[in-house]
Amino acid sequence: MKACMNASKPESTPTSLDGRWRFSPGQLLATPGALAALMTAGTSPMSFMARHLSGDWGDVCAEDAAANERALVCGARLFSVYKLDVTAADDQATAKVWVITEADRACTTILLPSEY
């Protein structure tokens, strides 16, 4: 992960028009596997995208959540994990999705862990 050299000087972060976004997502992408798992679970990809953009990192560990908070200041990669409805998903391999925003904020991708 990119080191934060200027943590004491926060940069402004772009927000949506209604002020709920904490950063700019860039291009929004999703892998075919993630889209299939989301469809099977009956979940919209935009619900997870909205959570990610608002700073709700989902089911990441405390260390990853803290790294995300630092990344908002430093411009490093952002990582979220969201559980799908397991009863609707085909198996445990598709029971969660990852959302990753690249450090340069060029794109944000929804994918399965197996697709990383």
N, C-alpha and C. Protein backbone atom coordinates (compact mmCIF):
# COMPACT_ATOMS: atom_id res chain seq x y z
N MET A 1 0.84 -1.18 0.00
CA MET A 1 0.00 0.00 0.00
C MET A 1 0.89 1.24 0.00
N LYS A 2 0.45 2.27 -0.68
CA LYS A 2 1.18 3.52 -0.76
C LYS A 2 1.30 4.15 0.63
N ALA A 3 2.48 4.57 0.98
CA ALA A 3 2.69 5.18 2.30
C ALA A 3 2.11 6.58 2.34
N CYS A 4 1.59 6.94 3.48
CA CYS A 4 1.01 8.27 3.67
C CYS A 4 2.10 9.18 4.23
N MET A 5 2.58 10.08 3.43
CA MET A 5 3.66 10.96 3.85
C MET A 5 3.15 12.24 4.49
N ASN A 6 1.91 12.63 4.20
CA ASN A 6 1.39 13.90 4.67
C ASN A 6 0.07 13.73 5.39
N ALA A 7 0.01 12.82 6.34
CA ALA A 7 -1.25 12.52 7.02
C ALA A 7 -1.82 13.70 7.78
N SER A 8 -0.98 14.65 8.16
CA SER A 8 -1.48 15.78 8.93
C SER A 8 -2.14 16.84 8.06
N LYS A 9 -2.02 16.75 6.75
CA LYS A 9 -2.63 17.72 5.85
C LYS A 9 -3.64 17.02 4.95
N PRO A 10 -4.88 16.83 5.42
CA PRO A 10 -5.88 16.15 4.60
C PRO A 10 -6.17 16.92 3.32
N GLU A 11 -6.27 16.17 2.22
CA GLU A 11 -6.67 16.77 0.96
C GLU A 11 -8.19 16.76 0.92
N SER A 12 -8.78 17.66 0.16
CA SER A 12 -10.23 17.63 0.06
C SER A 12 -10.62 16.42 -0.78
N THR A 13 -11.72 15.79 -0.42
CA THR A 13 -12.19 14.64 -1.17
C THR A 13 -13.46 15.01 -1.89
N PRO A 14 -13.56 14.66 -3.17
CA PRO A 14 -14.77 14.97 -3.93
C PRO A 14 -15.97 14.28 -3.31
N THR A 15 -17.11 14.90 -3.41
CA THR A 15 -18.34 14.32 -2.88
C THR A 15 -19.42 14.37 -3.95
N SER A 16 -20.45 13.58 -3.76
CA SER A 16 -21.60 13.65 -4.66
C SER A 16 -22.33 14.95 -4.40
N LEU A 17 -23.31 15.23 -5.22
CA LEU A 17 -24.06 16.46 -5.06
C LEU A 17 -24.78 16.52 -3.72
N ASP A 18 -25.18 15.35 -3.19
CA ASP A 18 -25.88 15.37 -1.90
C ASP A 18 -24.94 15.21 -0.71
N GLY A 19 -23.63 15.13 -0.95
CA GLY A 19 -22.65 15.13 0.12
C GLY A 19 -22.41 13.79 0.80
N ARG A 20 -22.96 12.69 0.28
CA ARG A 20 -22.78 11.40 0.94
C ARG A 20 -21.52 10.66 0.50
N TRP A 21 -20.97 10.96 -0.64
CA TRP A 21 -19.75 10.28 -1.10
C TRP A 21 -18.54 10.87 -0.42
N ARG A 22 -17.59 10.02 -0.05
CA ARG A 22 -16.37 10.47 0.60
C ARG A 22 -15.21 10.57 -0.37
N PHE A 23 -15.39 10.08 -1.59
CA PHE A 23 -14.32 10.13 -2.60
C PHE A 23 -14.94 9.91 -3.98
N SER A 24 -14.17 10.22 -5.00
CA SER A 24 -14.61 10.02 -6.37
C SER A 24 -14.31 8.58 -6.80
N PRO A 25 -15.30 7.87 -7.35
CA PRO A 25 -15.09 6.46 -7.69
C PRO A 25 -14.41 6.22 -9.03
N GLY A 26 -14.35 7.24 -9.88
CA GLY A 26 -13.87 7.01 -11.23
C GLY A 26 -14.89 6.19 -12.00
N GLN A 27 -14.42 5.40 -12.97
CA GLN A 27 -15.31 4.55 -13.76
C GLN A 27 -15.82 3.41 -12.88
N LEU A 28 -17.11 3.11 -12.96
CA LEU A 28 -17.71 2.03 -12.17
C LEU A 28 -17.71 0.75 -13.01
N LEU A 29 -17.11 -0.31 -12.45
CA LEU A 29 -16.98 -1.58 -13.16
C LEU A 29 -17.46 -2.73 -12.30
N ALA A 30 -17.82 -3.84 -12.93
CA ALA A 30 -18.16 -5.07 -12.22
C ALA A 30 -17.79 -6.24 -13.11
N THR A 31 -17.26 -7.29 -12.50
CA THR A 31 -16.90 -8.48 -13.26
C THR A 31 -18.15 -9.30 -13.55
N PRO A 32 -18.10 -10.14 -14.58
CA PRO A 32 -19.26 -11.00 -14.88
C PRO A 32 -19.61 -11.92 -13.70
N GLY A 33 -18.60 -12.45 -13.01
CA GLY A 33 -18.87 -13.32 -11.87
C GLY A 33 -19.58 -12.59 -10.75
N ALA A 34 -19.15 -11.38 -10.47
CA ALA A 34 -19.80 -10.59 -9.42
C ALA A 34 -21.23 -10.25 -9.81
N LEU A 35 -21.45 -9.88 -11.06
CA LEU A 35 -22.80 -9.56 -11.50
C LEU A 35 -23.71 -10.77 -11.40
N ALA A 36 -23.20 -11.95 -11.76
CA ALA A 36 -24.00 -13.18 -11.66
C ALA A 36 -24.34 -13.48 -10.21
N ALA A 37 -23.36 -13.35 -9.30
CA ALA A 37 -23.61 -13.61 -7.89
C ALA A 37 -24.61 -12.62 -7.32
N LEU A 38 -24.49 -11.35 -7.69
CA LEU A 38 -25.43 -10.33 -7.22
C LEU A 38 -26.84 -10.62 -7.73
N MET A 39 -26.94 -11.05 -8.99
CA MET A 39 -28.26 -11.36 -9.55
C MET A 39 -28.87 -12.56 -8.81
N THR A 40 -28.06 -13.58 -8.57
CA THR A 40 -28.54 -14.76 -7.84
C THR A 40 -29.03 -14.39 -6.45
N ALA A 41 -28.30 -13.48 -5.80
CA ALA A 41 -28.67 -13.04 -4.46
C ALA A 41 -29.79 -12.01 -4.45
N GLY A 42 -30.17 -11.53 -5.63
CA GLY A 42 -31.23 -10.53 -5.72
C GLY A 42 -30.83 -9.18 -5.16
N THR A 43 -29.54 -8.83 -5.35
CA THR A 43 -28.99 -7.59 -4.80
C THR A 43 -28.48 -6.70 -5.93
N SER A 44 -28.74 -5.43 -5.83
CA SER A 44 -28.26 -4.46 -6.82
C SER A 44 -26.79 -4.13 -6.56
N PRO A 45 -25.97 -4.10 -7.61
CA PRO A 45 -24.58 -3.70 -7.41
C PRO A 45 -24.46 -2.28 -6.87
N MET A 46 -25.43 -1.43 -7.19
CA MET A 46 -25.35 -0.04 -6.74
C MET A 46 -25.55 0.09 -5.23
N SER A 47 -26.20 -0.87 -4.60
CA SER A 47 -26.35 -0.77 -3.15
C SER A 47 -24.99 -0.91 -2.47
N PHE A 48 -24.15 -1.82 -2.97
CA PHE A 48 -22.81 -1.97 -2.40
C PHE A 48 -21.90 -0.82 -2.82
N MET A 49 -22.07 -0.33 -4.04
CA MET A 49 -21.28 0.81 -4.50
C MET A 49 -21.57 2.02 -3.63
N ALA A 50 -22.83 2.26 -3.32
CA ALA A 50 -23.20 3.41 -2.48
C ALA A 50 -22.60 3.28 -1.08
N ARG A 51 -22.64 2.07 -0.52
CA ARG A 51 -22.04 1.87 0.80
C ARG A 51 -20.55 2.15 0.77
N HIS A 52 -19.88 1.63 -0.25
CA HIS A 52 -18.43 1.82 -0.39
C HIS A 52 -18.09 3.31 -0.51
N LEU A 53 -18.81 4.02 -1.36
CA LEU A 53 -18.54 5.44 -1.59
C LEU A 53 -18.83 6.30 -0.36
N SER A 54 -19.72 5.83 0.50
CA SER A 54 -20.04 6.59 1.71
C SER A 54 -19.10 6.28 2.87
N GLY A 55 -18.18 5.32 2.67
CA GLY A 55 -17.23 4.98 3.72
C GLY A 55 -17.68 3.84 4.62
N ASP A 56 -18.74 3.13 4.23
CA ASP A 56 -19.16 1.92 4.94
C ASP A 56 -18.38 0.78 4.29
N TRP A 57 -17.32 0.33 4.93
CA TRP A 57 -16.39 -0.65 4.35
C TRP A 57 -16.89 -2.08 4.48
N GLY A 58 -18.05 -2.28 5.05
CA GLY A 58 -18.63 -3.62 5.15
C GLY A 58 -17.91 -4.49 6.16
N ASP A 59 -17.56 -5.70 5.74
CA ASP A 59 -17.01 -6.71 6.64
C ASP A 59 -15.50 -6.81 6.58
N VAL A 60 -14.80 -5.69 6.44
CA VAL A 60 -13.34 -5.73 6.49
C VAL A 60 -12.90 -5.77 7.96
N CYS A 61 -11.68 -6.26 8.19
CA CYS A 61 -11.15 -6.26 9.55
C CYS A 61 -10.83 -4.82 9.97
N ALA A 62 -10.60 -4.63 11.25
CA ALA A 62 -10.31 -3.29 11.78
C ALA A 62 -9.08 -2.68 11.13
N GLU A 63 -8.08 -3.49 10.85
CA GLU A 63 -6.86 -3.00 10.20
C GLU A 63 -7.14 -2.47 8.80
N ASP A 64 -7.95 -3.20 8.03
CA ASP A 64 -8.30 -2.74 6.68
C ASP A 64 -9.19 -1.49 6.73
N ALA A 65 -10.09 -1.42 7.70
CA ALA A 65 -10.92 -0.22 7.84
C ALA A 65 -10.06 1.00 8.14
N ALA A 66 -9.08 0.83 9.02
CA ALA A 66 -8.16 1.93 9.35
C ALA A 66 -7.32 2.31 8.13
N ALA A 67 -6.90 1.31 7.38
CA ALA A 67 -6.12 1.58 6.15
C ALA A 67 -6.97 2.36 5.15
N ASN A 68 -8.26 2.04 5.05
CA ASN A 68 -9.15 2.79 4.17
C ASN A 68 -9.27 4.25 4.60
N GLU A 69 -9.39 4.47 5.90
CA GLU A 69 -9.49 5.84 6.39
C GLU A 69 -8.21 6.62 6.07
N ARG A 70 -7.06 5.99 6.21
CA ARG A 70 -5.79 6.64 5.84
C ARG A 70 -5.73 6.87 4.33
N ALA A 71 -6.25 5.92 3.56
CA ALA A 71 -6.23 6.02 2.11
C ALA A 71 -7.06 7.20 1.60
N LEU A 72 -8.10 7.57 2.34
CA LEU A 72 -8.88 8.74 1.95
C LEU A 72 -8.04 10.01 1.99
N VAL A 73 -7.08 10.05 2.88
CA VAL A 73 -6.20 11.20 3.02
C VAL A 73 -5.00 11.09 2.07
N CYS A 74 -4.45 9.89 1.97
CA CYS A 74 -3.20 9.67 1.21
C CYS A 74 -3.40 9.40 -0.27
N GLY A 75 -4.60 8.99 -0.65
CA GLY A 75 -4.82 8.63 -2.03
C GLY A 75 -4.42 7.20 -2.37
N ALA A 76 -4.50 6.29 -1.40
CA ALA A 76 -4.19 4.89 -1.64
C ALA A 76 -5.46 4.12 -2.01
N ARG A 77 -5.30 2.84 -2.29
CA ARG A 77 -6.39 1.97 -2.69
C ARG A 77 -7.41 1.83 -1.55
N LEU A 78 -8.69 1.69 -1.90
CA LEU A 78 -9.77 1.49 -0.95
C LEU A 78 -10.39 0.11 -1.18
N PHE A 79 -10.70 -0.59 -0.09
CA PHE A 79 -11.14 -1.97 -0.18
C PHE A 79 -12.32 -2.22 0.76
N SER A 80 -13.41 -2.77 0.22
CA SER A 80 -14.58 -3.13 1.02
C SER A 80 -14.98 -4.58 0.74
N VAL A 81 -15.63 -5.18 1.72
CA VAL A 81 -16.14 -6.56 1.59
C VAL A 81 -17.59 -6.55 2.03
N TYR A 82 -18.46 -7.12 1.21
CA TYR A 82 -19.88 -7.19 1.55
C TYR A 82 -20.39 -8.61 1.38
N LYS A 83 -21.14 -9.08 2.36
CA LYS A 83 -21.74 -10.41 2.31
C LYS A 83 -23.02 -10.37 1.49
N LEU A 84 -23.22 -11.40 0.70
CA LEU A 84 -24.46 -11.57 -0.04
C LEU A 84 -25.39 -12.45 0.78
N ASP A 85 -26.65 -12.48 0.40
CA ASP A 85 -27.62 -13.36 1.05
C ASP A 85 -27.22 -14.80 0.72
N VAL A 86 -26.64 -15.49 1.69
CA VAL A 86 -26.10 -16.84 1.46
C VAL A 86 -27.19 -17.81 1.04
N THR A 87 -28.41 -17.63 1.51
CA THR A 87 -29.48 -18.55 1.15
C THR A 87 -29.81 -18.45 -0.33
N ALA A 88 -29.54 -17.28 -0.93
CA ALA A 88 -29.83 -17.11 -2.35
C ALA A 88 -28.60 -17.39 -3.21
N ALA A 89 -27.41 -17.28 -2.65
CA ALA A 89 -26.19 -17.50 -3.42
C ALA A 89 -25.99 -18.99 -3.68
N ASP A 90 -25.32 -19.31 -4.78
CA ASP A 90 -25.09 -20.70 -5.17
C ASP A 90 -24.22 -21.46 -4.17
N ASP A 91 -23.17 -20.84 -3.67
CA ASP A 91 -22.27 -21.51 -2.74
C ASP A 91 -21.47 -20.48 -1.96
N GLN A 92 -20.63 -20.95 -1.05
CA GLN A 92 -19.84 -20.06 -0.20
C GLN A 92 -18.88 -19.20 -1.03
N ALA A 93 -18.42 -19.70 -2.18
CA ALA A 93 -17.46 -18.95 -3.00
C ALA A 93 -18.07 -17.67 -3.55
N THR A 94 -19.38 -17.63 -3.71
CA THR A 94 -20.04 -16.43 -4.22
C THR A 94 -20.86 -15.74 -3.14
N ALA A 95 -20.55 -16.01 -1.87
CA ALA A 95 -21.33 -15.44 -0.78
C ALA A 95 -20.90 -14.04 -0.39
N LYS A 96 -19.83 -13.52 -1.02
CA LYS A 96 -19.43 -12.14 -0.74
C LYS A 96 -18.79 -11.53 -1.98
N VAL A 97 -18.82 -10.21 -2.00
CA VAL A 97 -18.18 -9.47 -3.09
C VAL A 97 -17.19 -8.49 -2.49
N TRP A 98 -16.19 -8.18 -3.25
CA TRP A 98 -15.22 -7.14 -2.89
C TRP A 98 -15.51 -5.92 -3.75
N VAL A 99 -15.26 -4.75 -3.21
CA VAL A 99 -15.31 -3.50 -3.97
C VAL A 99 -13.96 -2.83 -3.76
N ILE A 100 -13.27 -2.56 -4.87
CA ILE A 100 -11.93 -1.97 -4.80
C ILE A 100 -11.90 -0.70 -5.64
N THR A 101 -11.46 0.39 -5.03
CA THR A 101 -11.20 1.63 -5.76
C THR A 101 -9.69 1.78 -5.86
N GLU A 102 -9.22 1.97 -7.07
CA GLU A 102 -7.78 2.09 -7.31
C GLU A 102 -7.23 3.36 -6.66
N ALA A 103 -5.96 3.34 -6.35
CA ALA A 103 -5.31 4.47 -5.67
C ALA A 103 -5.45 5.78 -6.45
N ASP A 104 -5.41 5.70 -7.78
CA ASP A 104 -5.51 6.92 -8.59
C ASP A 104 -6.96 7.35 -8.80
N ARG A 105 -7.91 6.59 -8.21
CA ARG A 105 -9.35 6.86 -8.30
C ARG A 105 -9.86 6.81 -9.74
N ALA A 106 -9.15 6.09 -10.62
CA ALA A 106 -9.57 5.97 -12.01
C ALA A 106 -10.79 5.05 -12.15
N CYS A 107 -10.90 4.05 -11.26
CA CYS A 107 -12.04 3.14 -11.35
C CYS A 107 -12.31 2.46 -10.02
N THR A 108 -13.55 2.00 -9.89
CA THR A 108 -13.98 1.21 -8.74
C THR A 108 -14.64 -0.03 -9.30
N THR A 109 -14.18 -1.21 -8.82
CA THR A 109 -14.63 -2.48 -9.37
C THR A 109 -15.28 -3.35 -8.30
N ILE A 110 -16.40 -3.96 -8.65
CA ILE A 110 -17.04 -4.98 -7.82
C ILE A 110 -16.61 -6.32 -8.41
N LEU A 111 -16.09 -7.21 -7.56
CA LEU A 111 -15.61 -8.50 -8.02
C LEU A 111 -15.76 -9.55 -6.94
N LEU A 112 -15.67 -10.81 -7.34
CA LEU A 112 -15.62 -11.90 -6.38
C LEU A 112 -14.20 -12.05 -5.89
N PRO A 113 -13.99 -12.50 -4.65
CA PRO A 113 -12.62 -12.72 -4.17
C PRO A 113 -11.82 -13.64 -5.09
N SER A 114 -12.46 -14.63 -5.67
CA SER A 114 -11.78 -15.57 -6.56
C SER A 114 -11.33 -14.92 -7.87
N GLU A 115 -11.85 -13.74 -8.18
CA GLU A 115 -11.50 -13.05 -9.43
C GLU A 115 -10.35 -12.06 -9.26
N TYR A 116 -9.83 -11.94 -8.06
CA TYR A 116 -8.77 -10.97 -7.81
C TYR A 116 -7.46 -11.43 -8.39
